[in-house]
N, C-alpha and C. Protein backbone atom coordinates (compact mmCIF):
# COMPACT_ATOMS: atom_id res chain seq x y z
N MET A 1 0.73 -1.00 0.01
CA MET A 1 0.04 -0.08 -0.02
C MET A 1 0.78 1.12 -0.04
N ASN A 2 0.44 2.18 -0.88
CA ASN A 2 1.25 3.56 -0.98
C ASN A 2 1.05 4.36 0.14
N ARG A 3 2.02 4.84 0.84
CA ARG A 3 1.72 6.03 1.91
C ARG A 3 1.85 7.30 1.23
N LYS A 4 1.15 8.14 1.59
CA LYS A 4 1.04 9.62 1.06
C LYS A 4 2.26 10.38 1.59
N THR A 5 2.74 10.21 2.53
CA THR A 5 3.89 11.11 3.11
C THR A 5 5.00 10.22 3.94
N LYS A 6 5.96 10.77 4.40
CA LYS A 6 6.78 10.23 5.05
C LYS A 6 6.23 10.81 6.71
N PRO A 7 7.09 10.35 7.50
CA PRO A 7 6.37 10.83 9.10
C PRO A 7 6.99 12.47 9.25
N LEU A 8 6.33 13.21 9.71
CA LEU A 8 6.76 14.67 10.11
C LEU A 8 7.19 14.81 11.44
N GLU A 9 8.13 15.46 11.71
CA GLU A 9 8.58 15.64 13.36
C GLU A 9 8.70 17.08 13.79
N THR A 10 8.45 17.13 14.96
CA THR A 10 8.39 18.44 15.66
C THR A 10 9.30 18.15 16.93
N ASN A 11 9.28 19.22 17.77
CA ASN A 11 10.37 18.97 18.80
C ASN A 11 9.88 17.90 19.80
N ARG A 12 8.48 17.55 20.06
CA ARG A 12 8.01 16.57 20.86
C ARG A 12 7.49 15.38 20.38
N LEU A 13 6.79 15.67 18.99
CA LEU A 13 6.16 14.65 18.49
C LEU A 13 6.51 14.19 17.14
N LEU A 14 6.13 12.84 16.76
CA LEU A 14 6.27 12.20 15.57
C LEU A 14 4.97 12.10 14.89
N LEU A 15 4.65 12.78 13.88
CA LEU A 15 3.38 12.70 13.19
C LEU A 15 3.50 11.52 11.89
N CYS A 16 2.80 10.45 12.27
CA CYS A 16 2.87 9.27 11.31
C CYS A 16 1.45 9.18 10.70
N GLU A 17 1.41 8.95 9.40
CA GLU A 17 0.18 8.65 8.67
C GLU A 17 -0.60 7.48 9.41
N ILE A 18 -2.00 8.04 9.58
CA ILE A 18 -2.87 6.90 10.11
C ILE A 18 -2.84 5.53 9.33
N LYS A 19 -2.93 4.45 10.14
CA LYS A 19 -3.11 3.06 9.48
C LYS A 19 -4.38 2.62 10.12
N GLU A 20 -4.87 1.47 9.25
CA GLU A 20 -6.33 0.79 9.61
C GLU A 20 -6.09 0.19 11.04
N GLU A 21 -4.90 -0.05 11.63
CA GLU A 21 -4.85 -0.33 12.81
C GLU A 21 -4.97 0.36 14.04
N ASP A 22 -5.10 1.73 13.53
CA ASP A 22 -5.50 2.82 14.34
C ASP A 22 -6.88 2.89 14.64
N THR A 23 -7.80 2.31 14.09
CA THR A 23 -9.16 2.56 14.12
C THR A 23 -9.76 2.49 15.78
N PRO A 24 -9.55 1.35 16.42
CA PRO A 24 -10.23 1.48 17.70
C PRO A 24 -9.76 2.64 18.54
N LEU A 25 -8.50 3.37 18.54
CA LEU A 25 -8.20 4.38 19.05
C LEU A 25 -8.86 5.71 18.49
N ILE A 26 -9.00 5.70 17.22
CA ILE A 26 -9.49 6.91 16.70
C ILE A 26 -10.97 7.00 17.01
N VAL A 27 -11.63 5.89 16.82
CA VAL A 27 -13.04 5.76 17.19
C VAL A 27 -13.21 6.21 18.62
N GLN A 28 -12.42 5.48 19.73
CA GLN A 28 -12.70 6.12 20.86
C GLN A 28 -12.54 7.48 21.41
N TRP A 29 -11.61 7.95 20.53
CA TRP A 29 -11.40 9.52 20.68
C TRP A 29 -12.33 10.24 19.98
N ARG A 30 -12.86 9.95 18.89
CA ARG A 30 -13.85 10.78 18.09
C ARG A 30 -15.21 10.41 18.73
N SER A 31 -15.46 9.59 19.26
CA SER A 31 -16.86 9.18 19.70
C SER A 31 -17.04 9.95 21.38
N GLN A 32 -16.28 10.72 21.82
CA GLN A 32 -16.51 11.17 23.15
C GLN A 32 -17.49 12.59 22.82
N PRO A 33 -18.62 12.73 23.63
CA PRO A 33 -19.45 13.62 23.30
C PRO A 33 -18.80 15.16 23.50
N GLU A 34 -17.82 15.32 24.29
CA GLU A 34 -17.06 16.50 24.42
C GLU A 34 -16.23 16.84 23.30
N VAL A 35 -15.79 15.50 22.19
CA VAL A 35 -15.31 15.89 21.14
C VAL A 35 -16.30 15.97 19.92
N TYR A 36 -16.78 15.30 19.85
CA TYR A 36 -17.70 15.18 18.54
C TYR A 36 -18.83 16.50 18.56
N GLN A 37 -18.90 17.18 19.75
CA GLN A 37 -19.99 18.45 19.71
C GLN A 37 -19.38 19.32 18.65
N TYR A 38 -18.10 19.47 18.37
CA TYR A 38 -17.62 20.51 17.52
C TYR A 38 -17.39 20.08 16.15
N PHE A 39 -17.90 18.89 15.88
CA PHE A 39 -17.59 18.36 14.46
C PHE A 39 -18.93 18.58 13.58
N LEU A 40 -18.58 18.48 12.18
CA LEU A 40 -19.84 18.68 11.36
C LEU A 40 -20.58 17.65 11.25
N SER A 41 -20.33 16.69 11.72
CA SER A 41 -21.31 15.48 11.96
C SER A 41 -21.38 15.17 13.48
N PRO A 42 -21.82 15.80 14.32
CA PRO A 42 -21.80 15.60 15.89
C PRO A 42 -22.51 14.23 16.42
N LYS A 43 -21.86 13.26 16.08
CA LYS A 43 -22.34 12.02 16.68
C LYS A 43 -21.26 10.95 16.56
N PRO A 44 -21.44 10.07 17.68
CA PRO A 44 -20.10 8.97 17.90
C PRO A 44 -20.07 8.24 16.39
N LEU A 45 -18.99 7.70 16.15
CA LEU A 45 -18.32 7.20 15.08
C LEU A 45 -18.08 5.67 15.56
N THR A 46 -18.65 4.79 14.40
CA THR A 46 -18.23 3.33 14.78
C THR A 46 -17.14 2.87 14.01
N GLU A 47 -16.58 1.71 14.53
CA GLU A 47 -15.42 1.14 13.75
C GLU A 47 -15.65 0.95 12.33
N GLU A 48 -16.86 0.17 11.92
CA GLU A 48 -17.25 -0.09 10.85
C GLU A 48 -17.35 1.01 9.90
N GLU A 49 -17.64 2.32 10.37
CA GLU A 49 -18.09 3.61 9.72
C GLU A 49 -16.36 3.98 9.23
N HIS A 50 -15.57 4.06 10.46
CA HIS A 50 -14.07 4.49 10.06
C HIS A 50 -13.50 3.45 9.10
N ILE A 51 -13.52 2.31 9.21
CA ILE A 51 -12.88 1.33 8.50
C ILE A 51 -13.43 1.58 6.93
N ASN A 52 -14.57 1.76 6.77
CA ASN A 52 -15.37 1.99 5.44
C ASN A 52 -14.79 3.45 4.84
N TRP A 53 -14.95 4.31 5.86
CA TRP A 53 -14.18 5.65 5.05
C TRP A 53 -12.84 5.62 4.98
N TYR A 54 -12.03 4.81 5.62
CA TYR A 54 -10.55 4.63 5.40
C TYR A 54 -10.27 4.03 4.20
N ARG A 55 -10.89 2.85 3.86
CA ARG A 55 -10.55 1.91 2.90
C ARG A 55 -11.23 2.56 1.52
N ASN A 56 -12.39 3.23 1.53
CA ASN A 56 -13.22 3.60 0.17
C ASN A 56 -12.96 5.20 -0.09
N CYS A 57 -12.51 5.81 1.14
CA CYS A 57 -12.30 7.24 0.71
C CYS A 57 -10.73 7.77 1.07
N TYR A 58 -10.33 7.48 2.16
CA TYR A 58 -9.01 8.07 2.40
C TYR A 58 -7.98 7.66 1.61
N LEU A 59 -7.74 6.34 1.59
CA LEU A 59 -6.53 5.62 0.80
C LEU A 59 -6.80 6.23 -0.88
N LYS A 60 -8.04 6.63 -1.33
CA LYS A 60 -8.10 7.07 -2.58
C LYS A 60 -7.87 8.59 -2.80
N ASP A 61 -7.78 9.26 -1.71
CA ASP A 61 -7.94 10.67 -1.72
C ASP A 61 -6.38 11.21 -1.45
N ASN A 62 -6.09 11.90 -2.52
CA ASN A 62 -4.73 12.40 -2.66
C ASN A 62 -4.46 13.72 -2.31
N LYS A 63 -5.63 14.45 -1.97
CA LYS A 63 -5.61 15.71 -1.37
C LYS A 63 -5.85 15.74 0.19
N ARG A 64 -5.78 14.81 1.00
CA ARG A 64 -5.87 14.77 2.32
C ARG A 64 -4.76 13.68 3.07
N ILE A 65 -4.33 13.94 4.18
CA ILE A 65 -3.27 13.11 4.79
C ILE A 65 -3.76 13.46 6.35
N ASP A 66 -3.95 12.27 7.02
CA ASP A 66 -4.29 12.33 8.62
C ASP A 66 -3.05 11.65 9.26
N PHE A 67 -2.58 12.30 10.30
CA PHE A 67 -1.43 11.85 10.87
C PHE A 67 -1.80 11.58 12.39
N MET A 68 -1.30 10.56 12.90
CA MET A 68 -1.42 9.92 14.41
C MET A 68 -0.29 10.78 14.98
N ALA A 69 -0.33 11.32 16.03
CA ALA A 69 0.60 12.11 16.80
C ALA A 69 1.01 11.36 17.75
N VAL A 70 2.58 11.30 18.06
CA VAL A 70 3.12 10.25 18.99
C VAL A 70 3.98 10.87 19.78
N GLU A 71 4.03 11.01 21.19
CA GLU A 71 5.13 11.56 21.79
C GLU A 71 6.54 10.72 21.63
N LYS A 72 7.35 11.79 21.15
CA LYS A 72 8.58 11.07 20.91
C LYS A 72 9.44 10.36 22.21
N ASP A 73 9.08 11.13 23.18
CA ASP A 73 9.80 10.59 24.46
C ASP A 73 9.15 9.35 25.13
N THR A 74 7.98 9.23 25.00
CA THR A 74 7.09 8.00 25.54
C THR A 74 6.64 7.07 24.50
N GLY A 75 6.49 7.29 23.42
CA GLY A 75 5.66 6.45 22.35
C GLY A 75 4.02 6.56 22.53
N LYS A 76 3.73 7.49 23.34
CA LYS A 76 2.42 7.47 23.51
C LYS A 76 1.46 8.14 22.52
N GLN A 77 0.50 7.55 21.85
CA GLN A 77 -0.17 8.44 20.95
C GLN A 77 -1.08 9.21 21.69
N THR A 78 -1.19 10.44 21.20
CA THR A 78 -1.70 11.91 21.70
C THR A 78 -2.92 12.38 21.03
N GLY A 79 -2.89 11.94 19.69
CA GLY A 79 -3.83 12.97 19.05
C GLY A 79 -3.83 12.52 17.50
N LEU A 80 -4.76 13.16 16.77
CA LEU A 80 -4.82 13.22 15.43
C LEU A 80 -4.60 14.65 14.69
N PHE A 81 -3.98 14.64 13.47
CA PHE A 81 -3.96 16.12 12.79
C PHE A 81 -4.20 15.69 11.37
N ASN A 82 -4.84 16.44 10.65
CA ASN A 82 -4.98 16.35 9.24
C ASN A 82 -4.77 17.65 8.49
N ILE A 83 -4.56 17.40 7.32
CA ILE A 83 -4.41 18.48 6.58
C ILE A 83 -5.04 18.05 4.99
N LYS A 84 -6.03 18.82 4.42
CA LYS A 84 -6.39 18.58 2.98
C LYS A 84 -6.25 19.86 2.22
N ARG A 85 -6.11 19.49 0.98
CA ARG A 85 -5.92 20.56 0.08
C ARG A 85 -7.44 20.95 -0.54
N ASP A 86 -7.68 22.25 -0.80
CA ASP A 86 -9.25 22.61 -1.14
C ASP A 86 -9.01 21.86 -2.60
N GLU A 87 -10.41 21.22 -3.11
CA GLU A 87 -10.71 20.73 -4.01
C GLU A 87 -10.64 21.77 -5.41
N LYS A 88 -10.90 22.88 -5.31
CA LYS A 88 -11.05 23.93 -6.31
C LYS A 88 -9.83 24.99 -6.42
N LYS A 89 -9.16 25.15 -5.21
CA LYS A 89 -7.96 25.89 -5.13
C LYS A 89 -6.81 25.26 -4.38
N GLU A 90 -6.02 24.67 -5.50
CA GLU A 90 -4.83 23.86 -5.11
C GLU A 90 -4.14 24.43 -3.91
N LYS A 91 -4.07 25.71 -4.02
CA LYS A 91 -3.20 26.52 -3.33
C LYS A 91 -3.63 26.93 -1.77
N TYR A 92 -4.71 26.35 -1.43
CA TYR A 92 -5.34 26.63 -0.17
C TYR A 92 -5.30 24.98 0.44
N ALA A 93 -5.37 24.97 1.79
CA ALA A 93 -5.35 23.75 2.50
C ALA A 93 -6.10 24.03 3.94
N GLU A 94 -6.60 23.15 4.35
CA GLU A 94 -7.38 23.25 5.70
C GLU A 94 -6.68 22.28 6.62
N ILE A 95 -6.65 22.68 8.00
CA ILE A 95 -6.08 21.77 8.93
C ILE A 95 -7.15 21.68 10.01
N GLY A 96 -7.01 20.35 10.47
CA GLY A 96 -7.66 19.92 11.68
C GLY A 96 -7.11 19.13 12.56
N TYR A 97 -7.57 18.93 13.85
CA TYR A 97 -6.83 18.37 14.81
C TYR A 97 -7.83 17.93 15.94
N LEU A 98 -7.31 16.68 16.67
CA LEU A 98 -7.98 16.29 17.87
C LEU A 98 -6.95 15.51 18.85
N LEU A 99 -6.96 16.20 20.15
CA LEU A 99 -6.18 15.77 21.01
C LEU A 99 -6.81 14.96 22.11
N GLU A 100 -6.29 13.71 22.49
CA GLU A 100 -6.96 12.95 23.59
C GLU A 100 -6.72 13.63 25.13
N LYS A 101 -7.60 13.66 25.77
CA LYS A 101 -7.66 14.61 26.87
C LYS A 101 -6.46 14.60 27.84
N SER A 102 -5.77 13.74 28.12
CA SER A 102 -4.67 13.88 28.90
C SER A 102 -3.43 14.67 28.02
N SER A 103 -3.46 14.87 26.91
CA SER A 103 -2.74 15.52 26.00
C SER A 103 -2.85 16.82 25.71
N GLN A 104 -3.99 17.27 26.14
CA GLN A 104 -4.59 18.82 25.94
C GLN A 104 -3.87 19.61 26.98
N GLY A 105 -3.74 20.90 26.61
CA GLY A 105 -3.09 21.98 27.42
C GLY A 105 -1.25 21.96 27.41
N LYS A 106 -0.89 21.04 26.56
CA LYS A 106 0.52 20.83 26.77
C LYS A 106 1.35 21.64 25.38
N GLY A 107 0.65 22.19 24.49
CA GLY A 107 1.09 22.64 23.59
C GLY A 107 1.34 22.07 22.13
N TYR A 108 0.69 20.57 22.35
CA TYR A 108 0.93 19.74 21.11
C TYR A 108 0.17 20.33 20.18
N ALA A 109 -1.13 21.09 20.16
CA ALA A 109 -1.91 21.55 19.18
C ALA A 109 -1.13 22.48 18.32
N LYS A 110 -0.61 23.32 19.00
CA LYS A 110 0.37 24.49 18.24
C LYS A 110 1.41 23.90 17.64
N GLU A 111 2.01 22.85 18.23
CA GLU A 111 3.17 22.41 17.57
C GLU A 111 3.07 21.41 16.43
N GLY A 112 2.05 20.66 16.55
CA GLY A 112 1.44 19.81 15.33
C GLY A 112 0.83 20.91 14.09
N ILE A 113 -0.10 21.91 14.45
CA ILE A 113 -0.45 22.73 13.59
C ILE A 113 0.86 23.43 12.68
N GLU A 114 1.55 24.05 13.71
CA GLU A 114 2.89 24.66 12.89
C GLU A 114 3.44 23.87 11.98
N LYS A 115 3.59 22.50 12.23
CA LYS A 115 4.28 21.75 11.28
C LYS A 115 3.66 21.45 10.21
N LEU A 116 2.16 21.20 10.18
CA LEU A 116 1.50 21.08 9.20
C LEU A 116 1.34 22.38 8.14
N MET A 117 1.44 23.62 8.85
CA MET A 117 1.65 24.77 8.10
C MET A 117 2.81 24.81 7.37
N THR A 118 3.83 24.64 7.69
CA THR A 118 5.31 24.35 6.95
C THR A 118 5.15 23.21 6.02
N PHE A 119 4.57 22.26 6.42
CA PHE A 119 4.36 21.15 5.43
C PHE A 119 3.60 21.50 4.19
N SER A 120 2.59 22.09 4.44
CA SER A 120 1.61 22.71 3.36
C SER A 120 2.28 23.71 2.49
N ARG A 121 3.21 24.70 3.01
CA ARG A 121 3.78 25.69 2.17
C ARG A 121 4.93 24.96 1.34
N GLU A 122 5.88 24.34 2.08
CA GLU A 122 7.05 23.55 1.56
C GLU A 122 6.67 22.48 0.42
N ASP A 123 6.03 21.68 1.02
CA ASP A 123 5.71 20.42 0.24
C ASP A 123 4.55 20.30 -0.95
N TRP A 124 3.36 21.17 -0.54
CA TRP A 124 2.30 21.17 -1.19
C TRP A 124 2.27 22.49 -2.15
N LYS A 125 3.35 23.49 -1.52
CA LYS A 125 3.27 24.93 -2.04
C LYS A 125 1.86 25.80 -2.03
N CYS A 126 1.16 25.52 -0.96
CA CYS A 126 -0.05 26.22 -0.79
C CYS A 126 0.47 27.56 -0.27
N GLU A 127 -0.61 28.62 -0.26
CA GLU A 127 -0.44 29.85 -0.05
C GLU A 127 -1.29 30.19 1.12
N LYS A 128 -2.29 29.58 1.37
CA LYS A 128 -3.11 29.85 2.49
C LYS A 128 -3.86 28.63 3.24
N ILE A 129 -3.97 28.82 4.54
CA ILE A 129 -4.41 27.78 5.45
C ILE A 129 -5.58 28.26 5.84
N ILE A 130 -6.58 27.39 5.96
CA ILE A 130 -8.02 27.81 6.47
C ILE A 130 -8.35 26.69 7.76
N PHE A 131 -9.08 27.11 8.52
CA PHE A 131 -9.58 26.42 9.81
C PHE A 131 -11.07 26.77 9.90
N HIS A 132 -11.78 25.66 9.70
CA HIS A 132 -13.12 25.75 10.11
C HIS A 132 -13.43 25.21 11.68
N ILE A 133 -13.93 26.38 12.42
CA ILE A 133 -13.85 25.83 13.90
C ILE A 133 -15.22 26.24 14.34
N HIS A 134 -16.04 25.23 15.20
CA HIS A 134 -17.38 25.41 15.68
C HIS A 134 -17.26 26.75 16.69
N GLU A 135 -18.33 27.65 16.28
CA GLU A 135 -18.44 28.81 17.06
C GLU A 135 -18.36 28.57 18.62
N LYS A 136 -18.66 27.40 19.31
CA LYS A 136 -18.59 27.24 20.64
C LYS A 136 -17.16 26.65 21.10
N ASN A 137 -16.34 26.36 20.01
CA ASN A 137 -14.90 25.57 20.52
C ASN A 137 -14.13 26.99 20.86
N THR A 138 -14.32 27.46 22.14
CA THR A 138 -13.45 28.74 22.43
C THR A 138 -11.92 28.40 22.49
N VAL A 139 -11.34 27.21 22.63
CA VAL A 139 -10.10 26.74 22.99
C VAL A 139 -9.49 26.82 21.44
N SER A 140 -9.99 26.23 20.61
CA SER A 140 -9.48 26.12 19.38
C SER A 140 -9.56 27.62 18.58
N ARG A 141 -10.50 28.17 18.76
CA ARG A 141 -10.68 29.72 18.27
C ARG A 141 -9.58 30.52 19.11
N THR A 142 -9.17 30.58 20.11
CA THR A 142 -7.98 31.01 20.71
C THR A 142 -6.84 30.85 20.20
N LEU A 143 -6.56 29.50 19.94
CA LEU A 143 -5.29 28.91 19.55
C LEU A 143 -5.21 29.47 18.07
N ALA A 144 -6.22 29.40 17.23
CA ALA A 144 -6.21 29.92 15.86
C ALA A 144 -5.65 31.35 15.74
N LYS A 145 -6.20 32.12 16.82
CA LYS A 145 -5.88 33.80 16.76
C LYS A 145 -4.40 33.79 17.33
N LYS A 146 -4.07 33.14 18.31
CA LYS A 146 -2.59 33.13 18.58
C LYS A 146 -1.70 32.73 17.66
N LEU A 147 -2.02 31.88 16.72
CA LEU A 147 -1.20 31.59 15.59
C LEU A 147 -1.28 32.48 14.41
N GLY A 148 -2.24 33.43 14.56
CA GLY A 148 -1.92 34.57 13.54
C GLY A 148 -3.17 34.21 12.53
N TYR A 149 -4.21 33.47 12.79
CA TYR A 149 -5.03 33.28 11.76
C TYR A 149 -6.21 34.59 12.19
N THR A 150 -7.03 34.88 11.27
CA THR A 150 -7.75 35.92 11.10
C THR A 150 -9.22 35.45 10.77
N GLU A 151 -10.16 35.71 11.53
CA GLU A 151 -11.64 35.37 11.55
C GLU A 151 -12.09 36.16 10.08
N CYS A 152 -12.63 35.23 9.09
CA CYS A 152 -12.89 35.84 7.85
C CYS A 152 -14.44 35.55 7.56
N ARG A 153 -15.07 34.48 8.23
CA ARG A 153 -16.56 34.59 7.83
C ARG A 153 -17.10 33.58 8.73
N LYS A 154 -18.41 33.56 8.63
CA LYS A 154 -19.16 32.38 9.42
C LYS A 154 -19.91 31.64 8.46
N GLU A 155 -19.96 30.13 8.75
CA GLU A 155 -21.00 29.33 7.73
C GLU A 155 -21.68 28.43 9.00
N GLY A 156 -22.87 28.73 9.19
CA GLY A 156 -23.59 28.01 10.11
C GLY A 156 -23.14 28.21 11.49
N ASN A 157 -22.87 27.05 11.95
CA ASN A 157 -22.20 27.14 13.45
C ASN A 157 -20.70 27.18 13.50
N PHE A 158 -20.15 27.41 12.07
CA PHE A 158 -18.71 27.25 12.07
C PHE A 158 -18.14 28.73 11.66
N VAL A 159 -16.80 28.86 12.40
CA VAL A 159 -16.32 30.41 12.17
C VAL A 159 -14.98 30.04 11.21
N ILE A 160 -14.94 30.51 9.97
CA ILE A 160 -13.72 30.18 9.24
C ILE A 160 -12.71 31.31 9.35
N TYR A 161 -11.62 30.71 9.74
CA TYR A 161 -10.19 31.49 9.86
C TYR A 161 -9.31 31.12 9.01
N HIS A 162 -8.51 32.05 8.42
CA HIS A 162 -7.17 32.09 7.45
C HIS A 162 -6.41 32.49 7.88
N ILE A 163 -5.17 32.04 7.09
CA ILE A 163 -3.62 32.70 7.29
C ILE A 163 -2.95 32.64 6.12
N SER A 164 -2.42 33.65 5.58
CA SER A 164 -1.63 33.70 4.41
C SER A 164 -0.02 33.06 4.62
N LEU A 165 0.38 32.28 4.03
CA LEU A 165 1.73 31.67 4.15
C LEU A 165 2.71 32.32 3.25
N SER A 166 2.11 33.10 2.46
CA SER A 166 2.97 33.56 1.33
C SER A 166 3.57 35.12 1.76
N ASP A 167 3.06 35.67 2.73
CA ASP A 167 3.49 36.89 3.07
C ASP A 167 4.32 36.82 4.60
N ASN A 168 4.65 38.10 5.04
CA ASN A 168 5.17 38.00 6.39
C ASN A 168 4.43 37.89 7.63
N SER A 169 3.09 37.44 7.41
CA SER A 169 2.26 37.50 8.64
C SER A 169 2.59 35.84 9.34
N TRP A 170 3.08 35.01 8.70
CA TRP A 170 3.52 33.99 9.35
C TRP A 170 5.14 33.32 9.08
N GLY A 171 5.84 33.39 9.92
CA GLY A 171 7.14 32.89 9.73
C GLY A 171 7.81 31.60 9.75
N GLY A 172 6.69 30.59 10.01
CA GLY A 172 7.27 29.32 10.21
C GLY A 172 8.37 28.55 9.61
């Protein structure tokens, strides 16, 4: 099976592309009400749904990469990060993330997002990153602003943030 990219490394994390064997952990994290309340489809996920998506959508999609974040010091799986190119505008990408509860508040989200911003600019030649963040997800909205993202519009319950990678607003 062809992998989409090699692992990415930050100071504390190794970001490795997800595998089918990660399904139980991904489903466990994704199915917590405090997590899925902020998703476009706010409901628990089943293993069958995830495996179906993984095999029939993810593996065929060359515009999206999902990463399992692993602490380099301990080997503990701490969360998920994903990046996908915009279908219409190849120079745009969207980043998403989910951290398991005990890994929150440690700066891992910032670290992983910054790595994906660098990856999208250097490997995919993207010029802009977009975030779709649920309006009630104040932690992610605050992080987006700290990273230099600007609120640009609202779509339903989601606030859209963006940042340009091609000017001096982000130095990553």
